[in-house]
Amino acid sequence: KGDGMIGNIYSMGLVLQALGSTGKFYAPREWDCAQAFSVVYGHDYQQPMAIAQVLPALVGRSYLDAAGLDCAASAGTSPSLQPSLSPKLETTGVHRAAPITVHYSIINKLQGRHFTYSTSVRVPAGSTLLKVLQAAAAEEPDIFSFQTEQTSWGPMVVSIHGLAAIPEDRTYWQFLSGGDALQEGVGTYEPQDGERIQAVFSTY
Protein backbone atom coordinates (compact mmCIF):
# COMPACT_ATOMS: atom_id res chain seq x y z
CA LYS A 1 0.00 0.00 0.00
CA GLY A 2 1.09 3.59 -0.49
CA ASP A 3 1.47 4.18 3.24
CA GLY A 4 4.05 1.42 3.71
CA MET A 5 1.63 -1.20 5.03
CA ILE A 6 2.16 -4.68 3.61
CA GLY A 7 -0.93 -6.79 4.19
CA ASN A 8 -1.99 -5.63 7.65
CA ILE A 9 -0.29 -4.72 10.91
CA TYR A 10 -0.31 -8.36 12.03
CA SER A 11 1.44 -9.65 8.91
CA MET A 12 4.13 -6.93 8.89
CA GLY A 13 6.56 -8.77 11.18
CA LEU A 14 6.79 -11.89 9.04
CA VAL A 15 6.74 -9.91 5.79
CA LEU A 16 9.67 -7.75 6.90
CA GLN A 17 11.57 -10.86 7.95
CA ALA A 18 10.90 -12.48 4.57
CA LEU A 19 11.83 -9.42 2.52
CA GLY A 20 14.97 -8.88 4.58
CA SER A 21 16.07 -12.50 4.20
CA THR A 22 15.29 -13.01 0.53
CA GLY A 23 16.22 -9.60 -0.82
CA LYS A 24 19.69 -10.80 -1.85
CA PHE A 25 18.32 -13.72 -3.81
CA TYR A 26 14.88 -12.66 -5.01
CA ALA A 27 13.88 -9.08 -5.64
CA PRO A 28 11.18 -8.74 -8.32
CA ARG A 29 10.92 -5.03 -7.54
CA GLU A 30 12.27 -2.56 -5.03
CA TRP A 31 10.31 -1.87 -1.86
CA ASP A 32 10.57 1.12 0.42
CA CYS A 33 12.17 -0.42 3.51
CA ALA A 34 12.14 2.81 5.53
CA GLN A 35 8.46 3.45 4.83
CA ALA A 36 7.52 -0.11 5.85
CA PHE A 37 9.52 0.12 9.07
CA SER A 38 7.93 3.49 9.90
CA VAL A 39 4.56 1.71 9.96
CA VAL A 40 5.95 -0.78 12.49
CA TYR A 41 7.59 1.94 14.60
CA GLY A 42 4.31 3.85 14.72
CA HIS A 43 2.24 0.93 16.02
CA ASP A 44 1.87 0.05 19.69
CA TYR A 45 2.08 -3.75 19.56
CA GLN A 46 0.28 -5.48 22.44
CA GLN A 47 0.02 -9.18 21.55
CA PRO A 48 3.02 -11.37 22.39
CA MET A 49 2.75 -13.16 19.03
CA ALA A 50 2.93 -9.91 17.08
CA ILE A 51 5.90 -8.73 19.16
CA ALA A 52 7.68 -12.05 18.62
CA GLN A 53 7.29 -11.73 14.86
CA VAL A 54 8.31 -8.12 14.51
CA LEU A 55 11.32 -8.05 16.88
CA PRO A 56 13.69 -10.10 14.66
CA ALA A 57 13.05 -7.75 11.73
CA LEU A 58 13.77 -4.72 13.91
CA VAL A 59 17.29 -6.03 14.58
CA GLY A 60 17.90 -7.10 10.98
CA ARG A 61 17.33 -10.79 11.59
CA SER A 62 14.74 -13.44 10.77
CA TYR A 63 13.63 -16.74 12.24
CA LEU A 64 15.95 -18.39 9.67
CA ASP A 65 18.95 -16.98 11.54
CA ALA A 66 18.11 -19.14 14.56
CA ALA A 67 19.45 -22.21 12.74
CA GLY A 68 22.88 -20.61 12.43
CA LEU A 69 23.36 -19.31 15.98
CA ASP A 70 26.65 -20.26 17.63
CA CYS A 71 25.52 -20.82 21.20
CA ALA A 72 28.96 -21.91 22.37
CA ALA A 73 30.53 -18.65 21.24
CA SER A 74 27.94 -16.58 23.05
CA ALA A 75 27.97 -18.58 26.31
CA GLY A 76 28.67 -16.43 29.31
CA THR A 77 28.02 -13.18 27.52
CA SER A 78 25.14 -10.94 28.40
CA PRO A 79 23.02 -9.28 25.77
CA SER A 80 23.94 -5.66 25.17
CA LEU A 81 20.43 -4.66 24.22
CA GLN A 82 17.49 -5.42 26.42
CA PRO A 83 14.47 -3.61 24.96
CA SER A 84 11.66 -2.98 27.38
CA LEU A 85 8.34 -4.46 26.32
CA SER A 86 6.56 -3.44 29.49
CA PRO A 87 3.38 -1.39 29.07
CA LYS A 88 3.69 2.36 29.15
CA LEU A 89 2.98 3.72 32.63
CA GLU A 90 0.72 6.68 33.15
CA THR A 91 2.81 9.33 34.89
CA THR A 92 0.15 11.96 35.37
CA GLY A 93 -1.64 10.08 38.13
CA VAL A 94 -4.75 7.99 38.26
CA HIS A 95 -7.88 9.48 36.75
CA ARG A 96 -11.22 8.22 35.53
CA ALA A 97 -11.57 8.19 31.75
CA ALA A 98 -14.48 10.20 30.40
CA PRO A 99 -17.15 8.06 28.75
CA ILE A 100 -17.46 7.85 24.98
CA THR A 101 -20.32 6.65 22.79
CA VAL A 102 -19.75 3.88 20.25
CA HIS A 103 -22.38 2.90 17.70
CA TYR A 104 -22.32 -0.85 17.19
CA SER A 105 -24.16 -2.96 14.60
CA ILE A 106 -24.31 -6.67 13.87
CA ILE A 107 -25.25 -7.69 10.32
CA ASN A 108 -25.95 -11.05 8.70
CA LYS A 109 -26.99 -11.07 5.05
CA LEU A 110 -25.16 -14.28 4.28
CA GLN A 111 -26.80 -17.27 5.97
CA GLY A 112 -30.13 -18.40 7.40
CA ARG A 113 -32.48 -15.69 8.63
CA HIS A 114 -30.90 -12.35 7.83
CA PHE A 115 -30.70 -9.69 10.54
CA THR A 116 -29.38 -6.22 11.29
CA TYR A 117 -29.35 -4.83 14.82
CA SER A 118 -27.82 -1.61 16.07
CA THR A 119 -27.19 -0.02 19.44
CA SER A 120 -25.18 2.75 21.04
CA VAL A 121 -23.17 2.04 24.18
CA ARG A 122 -21.20 4.21 26.59
CA VAL A 123 -17.79 2.99 27.69
CA PRO A 124 -14.78 4.73 29.27
CA ALA A 125 -12.41 6.37 26.78
CA GLY A 126 -9.56 3.99 25.97
CA SER A 127 -11.78 0.91 26.19
CA THR A 128 -11.13 -1.88 23.74
CA LEU A 129 -13.71 -3.04 21.23
CA LEU A 130 -14.17 -6.14 23.39
CA LYS A 131 -15.48 -3.87 26.17
CA VAL A 132 -17.95 -2.36 23.69
CA LEU A 133 -19.23 -5.84 22.77
CA GLN A 134 -19.53 -6.72 26.46
CA ALA A 135 -21.46 -3.52 27.19
CA ALA A 136 -23.86 -4.18 24.29
CA ALA A 137 -24.37 -7.78 25.43
CA ALA A 138 -25.02 -6.64 29.01
CA GLU A 139 -27.71 -4.19 27.86
CA GLU A 140 -29.42 -6.52 25.33
CA PRO A 141 -28.21 -10.10 25.80
CA ASP A 142 -30.91 -11.59 23.55
CA ILE A 143 -29.54 -9.63 20.61
CA PHE A 144 -25.87 -8.86 21.19
CA SER A 145 -24.65 -12.00 22.97
CA PHE A 146 -21.34 -13.24 21.60
CA GLN A 147 -18.64 -15.83 22.18
CA THR A 148 -14.88 -15.63 21.82
CA GLU A 149 -12.02 -18.08 21.61
CA GLN A 150 -8.59 -17.25 22.96
CA THR A 151 -5.84 -17.37 20.33
CA SER A 152 -2.15 -16.47 20.35
CA TRP A 153 -3.26 -13.18 18.76
CA GLY A 154 -5.77 -12.46 21.52
CA PRO A 155 -9.53 -13.09 21.76
CA MET A 156 -11.30 -13.89 18.48
CA VAL A 157 -15.06 -13.47 18.13
CA VAL A 158 -16.49 -16.76 16.85
CA SER A 159 -20.22 -16.24 17.39
CA ILE A 160 -22.63 -13.31 17.60
CA HIS A 161 -26.41 -13.51 18.14
CA GLY A 162 -26.11 -17.30 18.11
CA LEU A 163 -24.58 -17.35 14.60
CA ALA A 164 -21.24 -19.12 14.72
CA ALA A 165 -18.42 -18.83 12.22
CA ILE A 166 -17.53 -22.19 10.68
CA PRO A 167 -14.06 -22.62 9.16
CA GLU A 168 -15.31 -25.40 6.86
CA ASP A 169 -17.83 -22.94 5.41
CA ARG A 170 -15.13 -20.24 5.26
CA THR A 171 -17.30 -17.93 7.35
CA TYR A 172 -16.17 -15.44 9.98
CA TRP A 173 -17.23 -12.28 11.78
CA GLN A 174 -15.50 -9.30 10.20
CA PHE A 175 -15.28 -6.00 12.09
CA LEU A 176 -15.36 -2.74 10.18
CA SER A 177 -15.16 0.97 10.97
CA GLY A 178 -16.45 3.37 8.35
CA GLY A 179 -16.60 0.50 5.88
CA ASP A 180 -12.92 -0.43 6.33
CA ALA A 181 -11.81 -3.68 7.95
CA LEU A 182 -10.13 -3.19 11.32
CA GLN A 183 -6.40 -3.90 11.39
CA GLU A 184 -6.48 -4.97 15.05
CA GLY A 185 -8.44 -7.53 17.03
CA VAL A 186 -11.28 -6.83 19.46
CA GLY A 187 -8.89 -7.21 22.41
CA THR A 188 -6.65 -4.31 21.35
CA TYR A 189 -8.62 -2.00 19.03
CA GLU A 190 -9.79 1.16 20.84
CA PRO A 191 -12.81 2.87 19.23
CA GLN A 192 -13.10 6.64 19.32
CA ASP A 193 -16.05 8.71 20.50
CA GLY A 194 -18.87 8.56 17.96
CA GLU A 195 -17.25 5.79 15.94
CA ARG A 196 -19.51 3.35 14.07
CA ILE A 197 -18.42 -0.26 14.31
CA GLN A 198 -20.02 -3.04 12.29
CA ALA A 199 -19.68 -6.77 12.84
CA VAL A 200 -20.57 -8.39 9.51
CA PHE A 201 -20.97 -12.12 9.01
CA SER A 202 -18.70 -12.71 6.02
CA THR A 203 -17.01 -15.35 3.89
CA TYR A 204 -13.54 -15.56 2.41
C-alpha atoms as a PDB file:
ATOM      1  CA  LYS A   1       0.000   0.000   0.000  1.00  0.00           C
ATOM      2  CA  GLY A   2       1.094   3.585  -0.490  1.00  0.00           C
ATOM      3  CA  ASP A   3       1.467   4.175   3.240  1.00  0.00           C
ATOM      4  CA  GLY A   4       4.055   1.417   3.714  1.00  0.00           C
ATOM      5  CA  MET A   5       1.627  -1.200   5.028  1.00  0.00           C
ATOM      6  CA  ILE A   6       2.164  -4.680   3.606  1.00  0.00           C
ATOM      7  CA  GLY A   7      -0.928  -6.785   4.193  1.00  0.00           C
ATOM      8  CA  ASN A   8      -1.986  -5.625   7.648  1.00  0.00           C
ATOM      9  CA  ILE A   9      -0.288  -4.717  10.913  1.00  0.00           C
ATOM     10  CA  TYR A  10      -0.305  -8.364  12.033  1.00  0.00           C
ATOM     11  CA  SER A  11       1.444  -9.650   8.906  1.00  0.00           C
ATOM     12  CA  MET A  12       4.130  -6.930   8.893  1.00  0.00           C
ATOM     13  CA  GLY A  13       6.556  -8.769  11.183  1.00  0.00           C
ATOM     14  CA  LEU A  14       6.788 -11.894   9.041  1.00  0.00           C
ATOM     15  CA  VAL A  15       6.739  -9.906   5.795  1.00  0.00           C
ATOM     16  CA  LEU A  16       9.669  -7.750   6.902  1.00  0.00           C
ATOM     17  CA  GLN A  17      11.567 -10.864   7.952  1.00  0.00           C
ATOM     18  CA  ALA A  18      10.899 -12.478   4.574  1.00  0.00           C
ATOM     19  CA  LEU A  19      11.834  -9.419   2.523  1.00  0.00           C
ATOM     20  CA  GLY A  20      14.973  -8.878   4.579  1.00  0.00           C
ATOM     21  CA  SER A  21      16.073 -12.504   4.202  1.00  0.00           C
ATOM     22  CA  THR A  22      15.288 -13.011   0.528  1.00  0.00           C
ATOM     23  CA  GLY A  23      16.224  -9.602  -0.822  1.00  0.00           C
ATOM     24  CA  LYS A  24      19.688 -10.800  -1.853  1.00  0.00           C
ATOM     25  CA  PHE A  25      18.320 -13.724  -3.815  1.00  0.00           C
ATOM     26  CA  TYR A  26      14.881 -12.662  -5.011  1.00  0.00           C
ATOM     27  CA  ALA A  27      13.881  -9.080  -5.641  1.00  0.00           C
ATOM     28  CA  PRO A  28      11.180  -8.743  -8.318  1.00  0.00           C
ATOM     29  CA  ARG A  29      10.917  -5.032  -7.538  1.00  0.00           C
ATOM     30  CA  GLU A  30      12.268  -2.563  -5.035  1.00  0.00           C
ATOM     31  CA  TRP A  31      10.314  -1.870  -1.864  1.00  0.00           C
ATOM     32  CA  ASP A  32      10.566   1.124   0.424  1.00  0.00           C
ATOM     33  CA  CYS A  33      12.173  -0.423   3.505  1.00  0.00           C
ATOM     34  CA  ALA A  34      12.139   2.814   5.526  1.00  0.00           C
ATOM     35  CA  GLN A  35       8.463   3.447   4.833  1.00  0.00           C
ATOM     36  CA  ALA A  36       7.523  -0.108   5.847  1.00  0.00           C
ATOM     37  CA  PHE A  37       9.520   0.122   9.070  1.00  0.00           C
ATOM     38  CA  SER A  38       7.933   3.486   9.898  1.00  0.00           C
ATOM     39  CA  VAL A  39       4.556   1.709   9.964  1.00  0.00           C
ATOM     40  CA  VAL A  40       5.952  -0.776  12.490  1.00  0.00           C
ATOM     41  CA  TYR A  41       7.587   1.936  14.602  1.00  0.00           C
ATOM     42  CA  GLY A  42       4.309   3.848  14.719  1.00  0.00           C
ATOM     43  CA  HIS A  43       2.238   0.933  16.015  1.00  0.00           C
ATOM     44  CA  ASP A  44       1.865   0.053  19.692  1.00  0.00           C
ATOM     45  CA  TYR A  45       2.076  -3.746  19.563  1.00  0.00           C
ATOM     46  CA  GLN A  46       0.281  -5.478  22.436  1.00  0.00           C
ATOM     47  CA  GLN A  47       0.022  -9.176  21.550  1.00  0.00           C
ATOM     48  CA  PRO A  48       3.024 -11.367  22.394  1.00  0.00           C
ATOM     49  CA  MET A  49       2.754 -13.165  19.029  1.00  0.00           C
ATOM     50  CA  ALA A  50       2.928  -9.906  17.080  1.00  0.00           C
ATOM     51  CA  ILE A  51       5.898  -8.729  19.159  1.00  0.00           C
ATOM     52  CA  ALA A  52       7.683 -12.048  18.624  1.00  0.00           C
ATOM     53  CA  GLN A  53       7.290 -11.733  14.859  1.00  0.00           C
ATOM     54  CA  VAL A  54       8.307  -8.115  14.506  1.00  0.00           C
ATOM     55  CA  LEU A  55      11.320  -8.046  16.877  1.00  0.00           C
ATOM     56  CA  PRO A  56      13.686 -10.097  14.656  1.00  0.00           C
ATOM     57  CA  ALA A  57      13.052  -7.749  11.726  1.00  0.00           C
ATOM     58  CA  LEU A  58      13.771  -4.725  13.908  1.00  0.00           C
ATOM     59  CA  VAL A  59      17.290  -6.033  14.582  1.00  0.00           C
ATOM     60  CA  GLY A  60      17.901  -7.100  10.983  1.00  0.00           C
ATOM     61  CA  ARG A  61      17.332 -10.794  11.589  1.00  0.00           C
ATOM     62  CA  SER A  62      14.736 -13.438  10.772  1.00  0.00           C
ATOM     63  CA  TYR A  63      13.630 -16.744  12.243  1.00  0.00           C
ATOM     64  CA  LEU A  64      15.952 -18.386   9.675  1.00  0.00           C
ATOM     65  CA  ASP A  65      18.954 -16.983  11.543  1.00  0.00           C
ATOM     66  CA  ALA A  66      18.106 -19.136  14.563  1.00  0.00           C
ATOM     67  CA  ALA A  67      19.451 -22.205  12.744  1.00  0.00           C
ATOM     68  CA  GLY A  68      22.881 -20.613  12.431  1.00  0.00           C
ATOM     69  CA  LEU A  69      23.356 -19.313  15.979  1.00  0.00           C
ATOM     70  CA  ASP A  70      26.651 -20.256  17.625  1.00  0.00           C
ATOM     71  CA  CYS A  71      25.515 -20.824  21.201  1.00  0.00           C
ATOM     72  CA  ALA A  72      28.957 -21.911  22.375  1.00  0.00           C
ATOM     73  CA  ALA A  73      30.532 -18.654  21.240  1.00  0.00           C
ATOM     74  CA  SER A  74      27.939 -16.583  23.045  1.00  0.00           C
ATOM     75  CA  ALA A  75      27.970 -18.582  26.306  1.00  0.00           C
ATOM     76  CA  GLY A  76      28.672 -16.428  29.307  1.00  0.00           C
ATOM     77  CA  THR A  77      28.019 -13.180  27.520  1.00  0.00           C
ATOM     78  CA  SER A  78      25.140 -10.936  28.398  1.00  0.00           C
ATOM     79  CA  PRO A  79      23.016  -9.284  25.772  1.00  0.00           C
ATOM     80  CA  SER A  80      23.942  -5.655  25.172  1.00  0.00           C
ATOM     81  CA  LEU A  81      20.433  -4.656  24.223  1.00  0.00           C
ATOM     82  CA  GLN A  82      17.490  -5.422  26.417  1.00  0.00           C
ATOM     83  CA  PRO A  83      14.468  -3.615  24.955  1.00  0.00           C
ATOM     84  CA  SER A  84      11.663  -2.982  27.381  1.00  0.00           C
ATOM     85  CA  LEU A  85       8.339  -4.458  26.324  1.00  0.00           C
ATOM     86  CA  SER A  86       6.559  -3.437  29.489  1.00  0.00           C
ATOM     87  CA  PRO A  87       3.376  -1.393  29.073  1.00  0.00           C
ATOM     88  CA  LYS A  88       3.689   2.357  29.153  1.00  0.00           C
ATOM     89  CA  LEU A  89       2.975   3.718  32.629  1.00  0.00           C
ATOM     90  CA  GLU A  90       0.721   6.682  33.151  1.00  0.00           C
ATOM     91  CA  THR A  91       2.813   9.333  34.885  1.00  0.00           C
ATOM     92  CA  THR A  92       0.148  11.964  35.372  1.00  0.00           C
ATOM     93  CA  GLY A  93      -1.641  10.085  38.131  1.00  0.00           C
ATOM     94  CA  VAL A  94      -4.749   7.987  38.259  1.00  0.00           C
ATOM     95  CA  HIS A  95      -7.877   9.479  36.745  1.00  0.00           C
ATOM     96  CA  ARG A  96     -11.223   8.222  35.529  1.00  0.00           C
ATOM     97  CA  ALA A  97     -11.568   8.192  31.751  1.00  0.00           C
ATOM     98  CA  ALA A  98     -14.479  10.200  30.396  1.00  0.00           C
ATOM     99  CA  PRO A  99     -17.147   8.056  28.749  1.00  0.00           C
ATOM    100  CA  ILE A 100     -17.464   7.846  24.977  1.00  0.00           C
ATOM    101  CA  THR A 101     -20.319   6.654  22.789  1.00  0.00           C
ATOM    102  CA  VAL A 102     -19.751   3.883  20.252  1.00  0.00           C
ATOM    103  CA  HIS A 103     -22.380   2.900  17.697  1.00  0.00           C
ATOM    104  CA  TYR A 104     -22.317  -0.854  17.188  1.00  0.00           C
ATOM    105  CA  SER A 105     -24.164  -2.955  14.601  1.00  0.00           C
ATOM    106  CA  ILE A 106     -24.311  -6.667  13.868  1.00  0.00           C
ATOM    107  CA  ILE A 107     -25.245  -7.693  10.323  1.00  0.00           C
ATOM    108  CA  ASN A 108     -25.952 -11.046   8.701  1.00  0.00           C
ATOM    109  CA  LYS A 109     -26.995 -11.066   5.049  1.00  0.00           C
ATOM    110  CA  LEU A 110     -25.164 -14.282   4.281  1.00  0.00           C
ATOM    111  CA  GLN A 111     -26.803 -17.267   5.973  1.00  0.00           C
ATOM    112  CA  GLY A 112     -30.127 -18.404   7.396  1.00  0.00           C
ATOM    113  CA  ARG A 113     -32.481 -15.689   8.633  1.00  0.00           C
ATOM    114  CA  HIS A 114     -30.897 -12.353   7.835  1.00  0.00           C
ATOM    115  CA  PHE A 115     -30.702  -9.688  10.537  1.00  0.00           C
ATOM    116  CA  THR A 116     -29.383  -6.222  11.286  1.00  0.00           C
ATOM    117  CA  TYR A 117     -29.353  -4.830  14.823  1.00  0.00           C
ATOM    118  CA  SER A 118     -27.821  -1.608  16.070  1.00  0.00           C
ATOM    119  CA  THR A 119     -27.193  -0.017  19.438  1.00  0.00           C
ATOM    120  CA  SER A 120     -25.177   2.752  21.042  1.00  0.00           C
ATOM    121  CA  VAL A 121     -23.173   2.042  24.179  1.00  0.00           C
ATOM    122  CA  ARG A 122     -21.199   4.205  26.589  1.00  0.00           C
ATOM    123  CA  VAL A 123     -17.790   2.988  27.687  1.00  0.00           C
ATOM    124  CA  PRO A 124     -14.783   4.726  29.265  1.00  0.00           C
ATOM    125  CA  ALA A 125     -12.408   6.373  26.785  1.00  0.00           C
ATOM    126  CA  GLY A 126      -9.558   3.993  25.970  1.00  0.00           C
ATOM    127  CA  SER A 127     -11.778   0.914  26.192  1.00  0.00           C
ATOM    128  CA  THR A 128     -11.134  -1.882  23.740  1.00  0.00           C
ATOM    129  CA  LEU A 129     -13.710  -3.040  21.229  1.00  0.00           C
ATOM    130  CA  LEU A 130     -14.169  -6.143  23.394  1.00  0.00           C
ATOM    131  CA  LYS A 131     -15.481  -3.865  26.170  1.00  0.00           C
ATOM    132  CA  VAL A 132     -17.954  -2.361  23.690  1.00  0.00           C
ATOM    133  CA  LEU A 133     -19.226  -5.839  22.769  1.00  0.00           C
ATOM    134  CA  GLN A 134     -19.529  -6.723  26.455  1.00  0.00           C
ATOM    135  CA  ALA A 135     -21.458  -3.524  27.186  1.00  0.00           C
ATOM    136  CA  ALA A 136     -23.864  -4.184  24.293  1.00  0.00           C
ATOM    137  CA  ALA A 137     -24.374  -7.778  25.433  1.00  0.00           C
ATOM    138  CA  ALA A 138     -25.023  -6.643  29.007  1.00  0.00           C
ATOM    139  CA  GLU A 139     -27.713  -4.194  27.858  1.00  0.00           C
ATOM    140  CA  GLU A 140     -29.423  -6.519  25.329  1.00  0.00           C
ATOM    141  CA  PRO A 141     -28.208 -10.096  25.800  1.00  0.00           C
ATOM    142  CA  ASP A 142     -30.909 -11.593  23.550  1.00  0.00           C
ATOM    143  CA  ILE A 143     -29.539  -9.632  20.607  1.00  0.00           C
ATOM    144  CA  PHE A 144     -25.873  -8.856  21.186  1.00  0.00           C
ATOM    145  CA  SER A 145     -24.654 -12.004  22.966  1.00  0.00           C
ATOM    146  CA  PHE A 146     -21.336 -13.237  21.601  1.00  0.00           C
ATOM    147  CA  GLN A 147     -18.644 -15.834  22.175  1.00  0.00           C
ATOM    148  CA  THR A 148     -14.885 -15.633  21.823  1.00  0.00           C
ATOM    149  CA  GLU A 149     -12.018 -18.076  21.606  1.00  0.00           C
ATOM    150  CA  GLN A 150      -8.588 -17.252  22.962  1.00  0.00           C
ATOM    151  CA  THR A 151      -5.837 -17.371  20.335  1.00  0.00           C
ATOM    152  CA  SER A 152      -2.154 -16.466  20.351  1.00  0.00           C
ATOM    153  CA  TRP A 153      -3.255 -13.184  18.762  1.00  0.00           C
ATOM    154  CA  GLY A 154      -5.771 -12.458  21.516  1.00  0.00           C
ATOM    155  CA  PRO A 155      -9.525 -13.093  21.755  1.00  0.00           C
ATOM    156  CA  MET A 156     -11.301 -13.886  18.477  1.00  0.00           C
ATOM    157  CA  VAL A 157     -15.058 -13.471  18.135  1.00  0.00           C
ATOM    158  CA  VAL A 158     -16.486 -16.757  16.847  1.00  0.00           C
ATOM    159  CA  SER A 159     -20.218 -16.238  17.395  1.00  0.00           C
ATOM    160  CA  ILE A 160     -22.635 -13.309  17.602  1.00  0.00           C
ATOM    161  CA  HIS A 161     -26.409 -13.511  18.137  1.00  0.00           C
ATOM    162  CA  GLY A 162     -26.106 -17.301  18.113  1.00  0.00           C
ATOM    163  CA  LEU A 163     -24.583 -17.348  14.603  1.00  0.00           C
ATOM    164  CA  ALA A 164     -21.236 -19.124  14.721  1.00  0.00           C
ATOM    165  CA  ALA A 165     -18.418 -18.832  12.221  1.00  0.00           C
ATOM    166  CA  ILE A 166     -17.534 -22.193  10.675  1.00  0.00           C
ATOM    167  CA  PRO A 167     -14.056 -22.624   9.159  1.00  0.00           C
ATOM    168  CA  GLU A 168     -15.310 -25.399   6.860  1.00  0.00           C
ATOM    169  CA  ASP A 169     -17.835 -22.937   5.411  1.00  0.00           C
ATOM    170  CA  ARG A 170     -15.135 -20.242   5.264  1.00  0.00           C
ATOM    171  CA  THR A 171     -17.302 -17.932   7.352  1.00  0.00           C
ATOM    172  CA  TYR A 172     -16.166 -15.442   9.982  1.00  0.00           C
ATOM    173  CA  TRP A 173     -17.231 -12.278  11.783  1.00  0.00           C
ATOM    174  CA  GLN A 174     -15.503  -9.296  10.200  1.00  0.00           C
ATOM    175  CA  PHE A 175     -15.279  -5.996  12.094  1.00  0.00           C
ATOM    176  CA  LEU A 176     -15.358  -2.736  10.182  1.00  0.00           C
ATOM    177  CA  SER A 177     -15.156   0.971  10.972  1.00  0.00           C
ATOM    178  CA  GLY A 178     -16.445   3.372   8.352  1.00  0.00           C
ATOM    179  CA  GLY A 179     -16.601   0.499   5.878  1.00  0.00           C
ATOM    180  CA  ASP A 180     -12.923  -0.434   6.326  1.00  0.00           C
ATOM    181  CA  ALA A 181     -11.809  -3.681   7.952  1.00  0.00           C
ATOM    182  CA  LEU A 182     -10.129  -3.193  11.320  1.00  0.00           C
ATOM    183  CA  GLN A 183      -6.399  -3.901  11.387  1.00  0.00           C
ATOM    184  CA  GLU A 184      -6.477  -4.966  15.046  1.00  0.00           C
ATOM    185  CA  GLY A 185      -8.438  -7.528  17.027  1.00  0.00           C
ATOM    186  CA  VAL A 186     -11.277  -6.834  19.459  1.00  0.00           C
ATOM    187  CA  GLY A 187      -8.891  -7.210  22.406  1.00  0.00           C
ATOM    188  CA  THR A 188      -6.652  -4.307  21.348  1.00  0.00           C
ATOM    189  CA  TYR A 189      -8.621  -1.998  19.029  1.00  0.00           C
ATOM    190  CA  GLU A 190      -9.792   1.160  20.836  1.00  0.00           C
ATOM    191  CA  PRO A 191     -12.809   2.865  19.230  1.00  0.00           C
ATOM    192  CA  GLN A 192     -13.104   6.640  19.320  1.00  0.00           C
ATOM    193  CA  ASP A 193     -16.048   8.706  20.498  1.00  0.00           C
ATOM    194  CA  GLY A 194     -18.874   8.563  17.955  1.00  0.00           C
ATOM    195  CA  GLU A 195     -17.251   5.785  15.936  1.00  0.00           C
ATOM    196  CA  ARG A 196     -19.506   3.351  14.067  1.00  0.00           C
ATOM    197  CA  ILE A 197     -18.417  -0.263  14.315  1.00  0.00           C
ATOM    198  CA  GLN A 198     -20.017  -3.040  12.295  1.00  0.00           C
ATOM    199  CA  ALA A 199     -19.683  -6.771  12.842  1.00  0.00           C
ATOM    200  CA  VAL A 200     -20.568  -8.388   9.508  1.00  0.00           C
ATOM    201  CA  PHE A 201     -20.972 -12.123   9.014  1.00  0.00           C
ATOM    202  CA  SER A 202     -18.705 -12.710   6.025  1.00  0.00           C
ATOM    203  CA  THR A 203     -17.009 -15.350   3.893  1.00  0.00           C
ATOM    204  CA  TYR A 204     -13.537 -15.562   2.406  1.00  0.00           C
END
